[in-house]
């Protein structure tokens, strides 16, 4: 998010990777574990 905010020209390149990382964070937190809010 910080990189995208600093370099909007990289949005097309980084958006699919960021989406993947967001999905990983969600999958890793599933299972009833208490996690801090993003």
ModelCIF file with pLDDT and N, C-alpha, C, O atoms, coordinates in Angstrom:
data_MODEL
#
_entry.id   MODEL 
#
_entity.id                         1 
_entity.type                       polymer 
_entity.pdbx_number_of_molecules   1 
#
_entity_poly.entity_id                      1 
_entity_poly.type                           'polypeptide(L)' 
_entity_poly.nstd_linkage                   no 
_entity_poly.nstd_monomer                   no 
_entity_poly.pdbx_seq_one_letter_code       
;(UNK)(UNK)(UNK)(UNK)(UNK)(UNK)(UNK)(UNK)(UNK)(UNK)(UNK)(UNK)(UNK)(UNK)(UNK)(UNK)
(UNK)(UNK)(UNK)(UNK)(UNK)(UNK)(UNK)(UNK)(UNK)(UNK)(UNK)(UNK)(UNK)(UNK)(UNK)(UNK)
(UNK)(UNK)(UNK)(UNK)(UNK)(UNK)
;
_entity_poly.pdbx_seq_one_letter_code_can   XXXXXXXXXXXXXXXXXXXXXXXXXXXXXXXXXXXXXX 
_entity_poly.pdbx_strand_id                 A 
#
loop_
_entity_poly_seq.entity_id 
_entity_poly_seq.num 
_entity_poly_seq.mon_id 
_entity_poly_seq.hetero 
1 1  UNK n 
1 2  UNK n 
1 3  UNK n 
1 4  UNK n 
1 5  UNK n 
1 6  UNK n 
1 7  UNK n 
1 8  UNK n 
1 9  UNK n 
1 10 UNK n 
1 11 UNK n 
1 12 UNK n 
1 13 UNK n 
1 14 UNK n 
1 15 UNK n 
1 16 UNK n 
1 17 UNK n 
1 18 UNK n 
1 19 UNK n 
1 20 UNK n 
1 21 UNK n 
1 22 UNK n 
1 23 UNK n 
1 24 UNK n 
1 25 UNK n 
1 26 UNK n 
1 27 UNK n 
1 28 UNK n 
1 29 UNK n 
1 30 UNK n 
1 31 UNK n 
1 32 UNK n 
1 33 UNK n 
1 34 UNK n 
1 35 UNK n 
1 36 UNK n 
1 37 UNK n 
1 38 UNK n 
#
_struct_asym.id          A 
_struct_asym.entity_id   1 
#
loop_
_ma_qa_metric.id 
_ma_qa_metric.mode 
_ma_qa_metric.name 
_ma_qa_metric.software_group_id 
_ma_qa_metric.type 
1 global pLDDT . pLDDT 
2 local  pLDDT . pLDDT 
#
_ma_qa_metric_global.metric_id      1 
_ma_qa_metric_global.metric_value   83.79 
_ma_qa_metric_global.model_id       1 
_ma_qa_metric_global.ordinal_id     1 
#
loop_
_ma_qa_metric_local.label_asym_id 
_ma_qa_metric_local.label_comp_id 
_ma_qa_metric_local.label_seq_id 
_ma_qa_metric_local.metric_id 
_ma_qa_metric_local.metric_value 
_ma_qa_metric_local.model_id 
_ma_qa_metric_local.ordinal_id 
A UNK 1  2 96.00 1 1  
A UNK 2  2 95.00 1 2  
A UNK 3  2 95.00 1 3  
A UNK 4  2 95.00 1 4  
A UNK 5  2 94.00 1 5  
A UNK 6  2 94.00 1 6  
A UNK 7  2 94.00 1 7  
A UNK 8  2 95.00 1 8  
A UNK 9  2 94.00 1 9  
A UNK 10 2 94.00 1 10 
A UNK 11 2 94.00 1 11 
A UNK 12 2 94.00 1 12 
A UNK 13 2 93.00 1 13 
A UNK 14 2 95.00 1 14 
A UNK 15 2 95.00 1 15 
A UNK 16 2 96.00 1 16 
A UNK 17 2 96.00 1 17 
A UNK 18 2 96.00 1 18 
A UNK 19 2 96.00 1 19 
A UNK 20 2 96.00 1 20 
A UNK 21 2 95.00 1 21 
A UNK 22 2 95.00 1 22 
A UNK 23 2 95.00 1 23 
A UNK 24 2 94.00 1 24 
A UNK 25 2 93.00 1 25 
A UNK 26 2 93.00 1 26 
A UNK 27 2 92.00 1 27 
A UNK 28 2 91.00 1 28 
A UNK 29 2 87.00 1 29 
A UNK 30 2 75.00 1 30 
A UNK 31 2 60.00 1 31 
A UNK 32 2 47.00 1 32 
A UNK 33 2 49.00 1 33 
A UNK 34 2 49.00 1 34 
A UNK 35 2 44.00 1 35 
A UNK 36 2 46.00 1 36 
A UNK 37 2 41.00 1 37 
A UNK 38 2 41.00 1 38 
#
loop_
_atom_site.group_PDB 
_atom_site.id 
_atom_site.type_symbol 
_atom_site.label_atom_id 
_atom_site.label_alt_id 
_atom_site.label_comp_id 
_atom_site.label_asym_id 
_atom_site.label_entity_id 
_atom_site.label_seq_id 
_atom_site.pdbx_PDB_ins_code 
_atom_site.Cartn_x 
_atom_site.Cartn_y 
_atom_site.Cartn_z 
_atom_site.occupancy 
_atom_site.B_iso_or_equiv 
_atom_site.pdbx_formal_charge 
_atom_site.auth_seq_id 
_atom_site.auth_comp_id 
_atom_site.auth_asym_id 
_atom_site.auth_atom_id 
_atom_site.pdbx_PDB_model_num 
ATOM 1   N N  . UNK A 1 1  ? 0.820   -1.208  0.000   1.00 96.00 ? 1  UNK A N  1 
ATOM 2   C CA . UNK A 1 1  ? 0.000   0.000   0.000   1.00 96.00 ? 1  UNK A CA 1 
ATOM 3   C C  . UNK A 1 1  ? 0.857   1.261   0.000   1.00 96.00 ? 1  UNK A C  1 
ATOM 4   O O  . UNK A 1 1  ? 0.556   2.224   -0.707  1.00 96.00 ? 1  UNK A O  1 
ATOM 5   N N  . UNK A 1 2  ? 1.931   1.253   0.800   1.00 95.00 ? 2  UNK A N  1 
ATOM 6   C CA . UNK A 1 2  ? 2.813   2.417   0.845   1.00 95.00 ? 2  UNK A CA 1 
ATOM 7   C C  . UNK A 1 2  ? 3.506   2.625   -0.494  1.00 95.00 ? 2  UNK A C  1 
ATOM 8   O O  . UNK A 1 2  ? 3.657   3.759   -0.949  1.00 95.00 ? 2  UNK A O  1 
ATOM 9   N N  . UNK A 1 3  ? 3.928   1.536   -1.125  1.00 95.00 ? 3  UNK A N  1 
ATOM 10  C CA . UNK A 1 3  ? 4.594   1.637   -2.427  1.00 95.00 ? 3  UNK A CA 1 
ATOM 11  C C  . UNK A 1 3  ? 3.624   2.142   -3.489  1.00 95.00 ? 3  UNK A C  1 
ATOM 12  O O  . UNK A 1 3  ? 3.978   2.987   -4.311  1.00 95.00 ? 3  UNK A O  1 
ATOM 13  N N  . UNK A 1 4  ? 2.410   1.623   -3.466  1.00 95.00 ? 4  UNK A N  1 
ATOM 14  C CA . UNK A 1 4  ? 1.407   2.077   -4.433  1.00 95.00 ? 4  UNK A CA 1 
ATOM 15  C C  . UNK A 1 4  ? 1.064   3.550   -4.231  1.00 95.00 ? 4  UNK A C  1 
ATOM 16  O O  . UNK A 1 4  ? 0.853   4.278   -5.201  1.00 95.00 ? 4  UNK A O  1 
ATOM 17  N N  . UNK A 1 5  ? 1.009   3.987   -2.980  1.00 94.00 ? 5  UNK A N  1 
ATOM 18  C CA . UNK A 1 5  ? 0.707   5.396   -2.716  1.00 94.00 ? 5  UNK A CA 1 
ATOM 19  C C  . UNK A 1 5  ? 1.851   6.298   -3.189  1.00 94.00 ? 5  UNK A C  1 
ATOM 20  O O  . UNK A 1 5  ? 1.616   7.404   -3.676  1.00 94.00 ? 5  UNK A O  1 
ATOM 21  N N  . UNK A 1 6  ? 3.074   5.824   -3.043  1.00 94.00 ? 6  UNK A N  1 
ATOM 22  C CA . UNK A 1 6  ? 4.228   6.631   -3.440  1.00 94.00 ? 6  UNK A CA 1 
ATOM 23  C C  . UNK A 1 6  ? 4.471   6.600   -4.948  1.00 94.00 ? 6  UNK A C  1 
ATOM 24  O O  . UNK A 1 6  ? 5.033   7.543   -5.506  1.00 94.00 ? 6  UNK A O  1 
ATOM 25  N N  . UNK A 1 7  ? 4.049   5.515   -5.612  1.00 94.00 ? 7  UNK A N  1 
ATOM 26  C CA . UNK A 1 7  ? 4.323   5.350   -7.044  1.00 94.00 ? 7  UNK A CA 1 
ATOM 27  C C  . UNK A 1 7  ? 3.060   4.878   -7.781  1.00 94.00 ? 7  UNK A C  1 
ATOM 28  O O  . UNK A 1 7  ? 2.932   3.694   -8.092  1.00 94.00 ? 7  UNK A O  1 
ATOM 29  N N  . UNK A 1 8  ? 2.140   5.791   -8.058  1.00 95.00 ? 8  UNK A N  1 
ATOM 30  C CA . UNK A 1 8  ? 0.902   5.399   -8.739  1.00 95.00 ? 8  UNK A CA 1 
ATOM 31  C C  . UNK A 1 8  ? 1.130   4.776   -10.115 1.00 95.00 ? 8  UNK A C  1 
ATOM 32  O O  . UNK A 1 8  ? 0.267   4.050   -10.608 1.00 95.00 ? 8  UNK A O  1 
ATOM 33  N N  . UNK A 1 9  ? 2.245   5.038   -10.726 1.00 94.00 ? 9  UNK A N  1 
ATOM 34  C CA . UNK A 1 9  ? 2.521   4.460   -12.049 1.00 94.00 ? 9  UNK A CA 1 
ATOM 35  C C  . UNK A 1 9  ? 2.713   2.947   -11.960 1.00 94.00 ? 9  UNK A C  1 
ATOM 36  O O  . UNK A 1 9  ? 2.606   2.255   -12.973 1.00 94.00 ? 9  UNK A O  1 
ATOM 37  N N  . UNK A 1 10 ? 2.996   2.422   -10.763 1.00 94.00 ? 10 UNK A N  1 
ATOM 38  C CA . UNK A 1 10 ? 3.200   0.983   -10.589 1.00 94.00 ? 10 UNK A CA 1 
ATOM 39  C C  . UNK A 1 10 ? 1.904   0.213   -10.311 1.00 94.00 ? 10 UNK A C  1 
ATOM 40  O O  . UNK A 1 10 ? 1.929   -1.005  -10.139 1.00 94.00 ? 10 UNK A O  1 
ATOM 41  N N  . UNK A 1 11 ? 0.780   0.923   -10.267 1.00 94.00 ? 11 UNK A N  1 
ATOM 42  C CA . UNK A 1 11 ? -0.505  0.288   -9.945  1.00 94.00 ? 11 UNK A CA 1 
ATOM 43  C C  . UNK A 1 11 ? -0.803  -0.907  -10.851 1.00 94.00 ? 11 UNK A C  1 
ATOM 44  O O  . UNK A 1 11 ? -1.157  -1.965  -10.331 1.00 94.00 ? 11 UNK A O  1 
ATOM 45  N N  . UNK A 1 12 ? -0.678  -0.797  -12.181 1.00 94.00 ? 12 UNK A N  1 
ATOM 46  C CA . UNK A 1 12 ? -1.010  -1.962  -13.011 1.00 94.00 ? 12 UNK A CA 1 
ATOM 47  C C  . UNK A 1 12 ? -0.128  -3.180  -12.704 1.00 94.00 ? 12 UNK A C  1 
ATOM 48  O O  . UNK A 1 12 ? -0.587  -4.321  -12.772 1.00 94.00 ? 12 UNK A O  1 
ATOM 49  N N  . UNK A 1 13 ? 1.101   -2.932  -12.378 1.00 93.00 ? 13 UNK A N  1 
ATOM 50  C CA . UNK A 1 13 ? 2.035   -4.032  -12.120 1.00 93.00 ? 13 UNK A CA 1 
ATOM 51  C C  . UNK A 1 13 ? 1.860   -4.642  -10.724 1.00 93.00 ? 13 UNK A C  1 
ATOM 52  O O  . UNK A 1 13 ? 1.978   -5.856  -10.560 1.00 93.00 ? 13 UNK A O  1 
ATOM 53  N N  . UNK A 1 14 ? 1.580   -3.810  -9.729  1.00 95.00 ? 14 UNK A N  1 
ATOM 54  C CA . UNK A 1 14 ? 1.547   -4.289  -8.358  1.00 95.00 ? 14 UNK A CA 1 
ATOM 55  C C  . UNK A 1 14 ? 0.169   -4.733  -7.867  1.00 95.00 ? 14 UNK A C  1 
ATOM 56  O O  . UNK A 1 14 ? 0.083   -5.500  -6.908  1.00 95.00 ? 14 UNK A O  1 
ATOM 57  N N  . UNK A 1 15 ? -0.897  -4.274  -8.495  1.00 95.00 ? 15 UNK A N  1 
ATOM 58  C CA . UNK A 1 15 ? -2.239  -4.597  -8.016  1.00 95.00 ? 15 UNK A CA 1 
ATOM 59  C C  . UNK A 1 15 ? -2.507  -6.107  -7.958  1.00 95.00 ? 15 UNK A C  1 
ATOM 60  O O  . UNK A 1 15 ? -3.051  -6.567  -6.954  1.00 95.00 ? 15 UNK A O  1 
ATOM 61  N N  . UNK A 1 16 ? -2.159  -6.899  -8.973  1.00 96.00 ? 16 UNK A N  1 
ATOM 62  C CA . UNK A 1 16 ? -2.413  -8.345  -8.855  1.00 96.00 ? 16 UNK A CA 1 
ATOM 63  C C  . UNK A 1 16 ? -1.605  -8.998  -7.722  1.00 96.00 ? 16 UNK A C  1 
ATOM 64  O O  . UNK A 1 16 ? -2.098  -9.902  -7.047  1.00 96.00 ? 16 UNK A O  1 
ATOM 65  N N  . UNK A 1 17 ? -0.379  -8.543  -7.521  1.00 96.00 ? 17 UNK A N  1 
ATOM 66  C CA . UNK A 1 17 ? 0.439   -9.093  -6.443  1.00 96.00 ? 17 UNK A CA 1 
ATOM 67  C C  . UNK A 1 17 ? -0.128  -8.707  -5.081  1.00 96.00 ? 17 UNK A C  1 
ATOM 68  O O  . UNK A 1 17 ? -0.151  -9.519  -4.156  1.00 96.00 ? 17 UNK A O  1 
ATOM 69  N N  . UNK A 1 18 ? -0.586  -7.458  -4.966  1.00 96.00 ? 18 UNK A N  1 
ATOM 70  C CA . UNK A 1 18 ? -1.179  -7.000  -3.711  1.00 96.00 ? 18 UNK A CA 1 
ATOM 71  C C  . UNK A 1 18 ? -2.439  -7.798  -3.387  1.00 96.00 ? 18 UNK A C  1 
ATOM 72  O O  . UNK A 1 18 ? -2.664  -8.186  -2.241  1.00 96.00 ? 18 UNK A O  1 
ATOM 73  N N  . UNK A 1 19 ? -3.260  -8.038  -4.418  1.00 96.00 ? 19 UNK A N  1 
ATOM 74  C CA . UNK A 1 19 ? -4.480  -8.841  -4.209  1.00 96.00 ? 19 UNK A CA 1 
ATOM 75  C C  . UNK A 1 19 ? -4.129  -10.227 -3.688  1.00 96.00 ? 19 UNK A C  1 
ATOM 76  O O  . UNK A 1 19 ? -4.802  -10.757 -2.804  1.00 96.00 ? 19 UNK A O  1 
ATOM 77  N N  . UNK A 1 20 ? -3.086  -10.803 -4.233  1.00 96.00 ? 20 UNK A N  1 
ATOM 78  C CA . UNK A 1 20 ? -2.634  -12.119 -3.801  1.00 96.00 ? 20 UNK A CA 1 
ATOM 79  C C  . UNK A 1 20 ? -2.180  -12.093 -2.342  1.00 96.00 ? 20 UNK A C  1 
ATOM 80  O O  . UNK A 1 20 ? -2.516  -12.992 -1.570  1.00 96.00 ? 20 UNK A O  1 
ATOM 81  N N  . UNK A 1 21 ? -1.427  -11.079 -1.967  1.00 95.00 ? 21 UNK A N  1 
ATOM 82  C CA . UNK A 1 21 ? -0.958  -10.947 -0.583  1.00 95.00 ? 21 UNK A CA 1 
ATOM 83  C C  . UNK A 1 21 ? -2.151  -10.757 0.360   1.00 95.00 ? 21 UNK A C  1 
ATOM 84  O O  . UNK A 1 21 ? -2.159  -11.309 1.460   1.00 95.00 ? 21 UNK A O  1 
ATOM 85  N N  . UNK A 1 22 ? -3.147  -9.989  -0.055  1.00 95.00 ? 22 UNK A N  1 
ATOM 86  C CA . UNK A 1 22 ? -4.346  -9.802  0.767   1.00 95.00 ? 22 UNK A CA 1 
ATOM 87  C C  . UNK A 1 22 ? -5.080  -11.132 0.967   1.00 95.00 ? 22 UNK A C  1 
ATOM 88  O O  . UNK A 1 22 ? -5.557  -11.424 2.063   1.00 95.00 ? 22 UNK A O  1 
ATOM 89  N N  . UNK A 1 23 ? -5.165  -11.926 -0.086  1.00 95.00 ? 23 UNK A N  1 
ATOM 90  C CA . UNK A 1 23 ? -5.803  -13.242 0.022   1.00 95.00 ? 23 UNK A CA 1 
ATOM 91  C C  . UNK A 1 23 ? -5.005  -14.155 0.947   1.00 95.00 ? 23 UNK A C  1 
ATOM 92  O O  . UNK A 1 23 ? -5.589  -14.938 1.697   1.00 95.00 ? 23 UNK A O  1 
ATOM 93  N N  . UNK A 1 24 ? -3.691  -14.062 0.902   1.00 94.00 ? 24 UNK A N  1 
ATOM 94  C CA . UNK A 1 24 ? -2.846  -14.873 1.793   1.00 94.00 ? 24 UNK A CA 1 
ATOM 95  C C  . UNK A 1 24 ? -3.082  -14.482 3.247   1.00 94.00 ? 24 UNK A C  1 
ATOM 96  O O  . UNK A 1 24 ? -3.222  -15.345 4.114   1.00 94.00 ? 24 UNK A O  1 
ATOM 97  N N  . UNK A 1 25 ? -3.125  -13.177 3.510   1.00 93.00 ? 25 UNK A N  1 
ATOM 98  C CA . UNK A 1 25 ? -3.353  -12.709 4.879   1.00 93.00 ? 25 UNK A CA 1 
ATOM 99  C C  . UNK A 1 25 ? -4.693  -13.213 5.398   1.00 93.00 ? 25 UNK A C  1 
ATOM 100 O O  . UNK A 1 25 ? -4.808  -13.620 6.554   1.00 93.00 ? 25 UNK A O  1 
ATOM 101 N N  . UNK A 1 26 ? -5.695  -13.182 4.544   1.00 93.00 ? 26 UNK A N  1 
ATOM 102 C CA . UNK A 1 26 ? -7.021  -13.665 4.946   1.00 93.00 ? 26 UNK A CA 1 
ATOM 103 C C  . UNK A 1 26 ? -6.984  -15.170 5.212   1.00 93.00 ? 26 UNK A C  1 
ATOM 104 O O  . UNK A 1 26 ? -7.506  -15.632 6.227   1.00 93.00 ? 26 UNK A O  1 
ATOM 105 N N  . UNK A 1 27 ? -6.379  -15.924 4.321   1.00 92.00 ? 27 UNK A N  1 
ATOM 106 C CA . UNK A 1 27 ? -6.328  -17.387 4.479   1.00 92.00 ? 27 UNK A CA 1 
ATOM 107 C C  . UNK A 1 27 ? -5.526  -17.781 5.721   1.00 92.00 ? 27 UNK A C  1 
ATOM 108 O O  . UNK A 1 27 ? -5.901  -18.719 6.425   1.00 92.00 ? 27 UNK A O  1 
ATOM 109 N N  . UNK A 1 28 ? -4.452  -17.089 5.989   1.00 91.00 ? 28 UNK A N  1 
ATOM 110 C CA . UNK A 1 28 ? -3.624  -17.419 7.145   1.00 91.00 ? 28 UNK A CA 1 
ATOM 111 C C  . UNK A 1 28 ? -4.331  -17.113 8.455   1.00 91.00 ? 28 UNK A C  1 
ATOM 112 O O  . UNK A 1 28 ? -4.052  -17.750 9.470   1.00 91.00 ? 28 UNK A O  1 
ATOM 113 N N  . UNK A 1 29 ? -5.235  -16.153 8.445   1.00 87.00 ? 29 UNK A N  1 
ATOM 114 C CA . UNK A 1 29 ? -5.950  -15.779 9.668   1.00 87.00 ? 29 UNK A CA 1 
ATOM 115 C C  . UNK A 1 29 ? -7.215  -16.550 9.915   1.00 87.00 ? 29 UNK A C  1 
ATOM 116 O O  . UNK A 1 29 ? -7.782  -16.447 11.003  1.00 87.00 ? 29 UNK A O  1 
ATOM 117 N N  . UNK A 1 30 ? -7.687  -17.322 8.957   1.00 75.00 ? 30 UNK A N  1 
ATOM 118 C CA . UNK A 1 30 ? -8.917  -18.073 9.151   1.00 75.00 ? 30 UNK A CA 1 
ATOM 119 C C  . UNK A 1 30 ? -8.682  -19.215 10.123  1.00 75.00 ? 30 UNK A C  1 
ATOM 120 O O  . UNK A 1 30 ? -7.565  -19.716 10.250  1.00 75.00 ? 30 UNK A O  1 
ATOM 121 N N  . UNK A 1 31 ? -9.733  -19.620 10.803  1.00 60.00 ? 31 UNK A N  1 
ATOM 122 C CA . UNK A 1 31 ? -9.627  -20.713 11.753  1.00 60.00 ? 31 UNK A CA 1 
ATOM 123 C C  . UNK A 1 31 ? -9.904  -20.260 13.169  1.00 60.00 ? 31 UNK A C  1 
ATOM 124 O O  . UNK A 1 31 ? -9.610  -20.981 14.122  1.00 60.00 ? 31 UNK A O  1 
ATOM 125 N N  . UNK A 1 32 ? -10.469 -19.069 13.318  1.00 47.00 ? 32 UNK A N  1 
ATOM 126 C CA . UNK A 1 32 ? -10.853 -18.621 14.646  1.00 47.00 ? 32 UNK A CA 1 
ATOM 127 C C  . UNK A 1 32 ? -9.754  -17.970 15.451  1.00 47.00 ? 32 UNK A C  1 
ATOM 128 O O  . UNK A 1 32 ? -9.957  -17.690 16.633  1.00 47.00 ? 32 UNK A O  1 
ATOM 129 N N  . UNK A 1 33 ? -8.621  -17.721 14.876  1.00 49.00 ? 33 UNK A N  1 
ATOM 130 C CA . UNK A 1 33 ? -7.526  -17.099 15.602  1.00 49.00 ? 33 UNK A CA 1 
ATOM 131 C C  . UNK A 1 33 ? -7.799  -15.613 15.759  1.00 49.00 ? 33 UNK A C  1 
ATOM 132 O O  . UNK A 1 33 ? -8.238  -14.949 14.820  1.00 49.00 ? 33 UNK A O  1 
ATOM 133 N N  . UNK A 1 34 ? -7.539  -15.105 16.933  1.00 49.00 ? 34 UNK A N  1 
ATOM 134 C CA . UNK A 1 34 ? -7.692  -13.680 17.167  1.00 49.00 ? 34 UNK A CA 1 
ATOM 135 C C  . UNK A 1 34 ? -6.471  -12.978 16.601  1.00 49.00 ? 34 UNK A C  1 
ATOM 136 O O  . UNK A 1 34 ? -5.338  -13.293 16.962  1.00 49.00 ? 34 UNK A O  1 
ATOM 137 N N  . UNK A 1 35 ? -6.711  -12.024 15.713  1.00 44.00 ? 35 UNK A N  1 
ATOM 138 C CA . UNK A 1 35 ? -5.610  -11.280 15.103  1.00 44.00 ? 35 UNK A CA 1 
ATOM 139 C C  . UNK A 1 35 ? -5.883  -9.800  15.238  1.00 44.00 ? 35 UNK A C  1 
ATOM 140 O O  . UNK A 1 35 ? -7.027  -9.370  15.382  1.00 44.00 ? 35 UNK A O  1 
ATOM 141 N N  . UNK A 1 36 ? -4.810  -9.029  15.188  1.00 46.00 ? 36 UNK A N  1 
ATOM 142 C CA . UNK A 1 36 ? -4.964  -7.577  15.286  1.00 46.00 ? 36 UNK A CA 1 
ATOM 143 C C  . UNK A 1 36 ? -5.573  -7.049  13.994  1.00 46.00 ? 36 UNK A C  1 
ATOM 144 O O  . UNK A 1 36 ? -5.315  -7.596  12.922  1.00 46.00 ? 36 UNK A O  1 
ATOM 145 N N  . UNK A 1 37 ? -6.368  -6.008  14.079  1.00 41.00 ? 37 UNK A N  1 
ATOM 146 C CA . UNK A 1 37 ? -6.964  -5.458  12.862  1.00 41.00 ? 37 UNK A CA 1 
ATOM 147 C C  . UNK A 1 37 ? -5.928  -4.779  11.989  1.00 41.00 ? 37 UNK A C  1 
ATOM 148 O O  . UNK A 1 37 ? -4.983  -4.173  12.494  1.00 41.00 ? 37 UNK A O  1 
ATOM 149 N N  . UNK A 1 38 ? -6.103  -4.877  10.692  1.00 41.00 ? 38 UNK A N  1 
ATOM 150 C CA . UNK A 1 38 ? -5.200  -4.204  9.751   1.00 41.00 ? 38 UNK A CA 1 
ATOM 151 C C  . UNK A 1 38 ? -5.539  -2.729  9.755   1.00 41.00 ? 38 UNK A C  1 
ATOM 152 O O  . UNK A 1 38 ? -4.912  -1.949  9.038   1.00 41.00 ? 38 UNK A O  1 
#
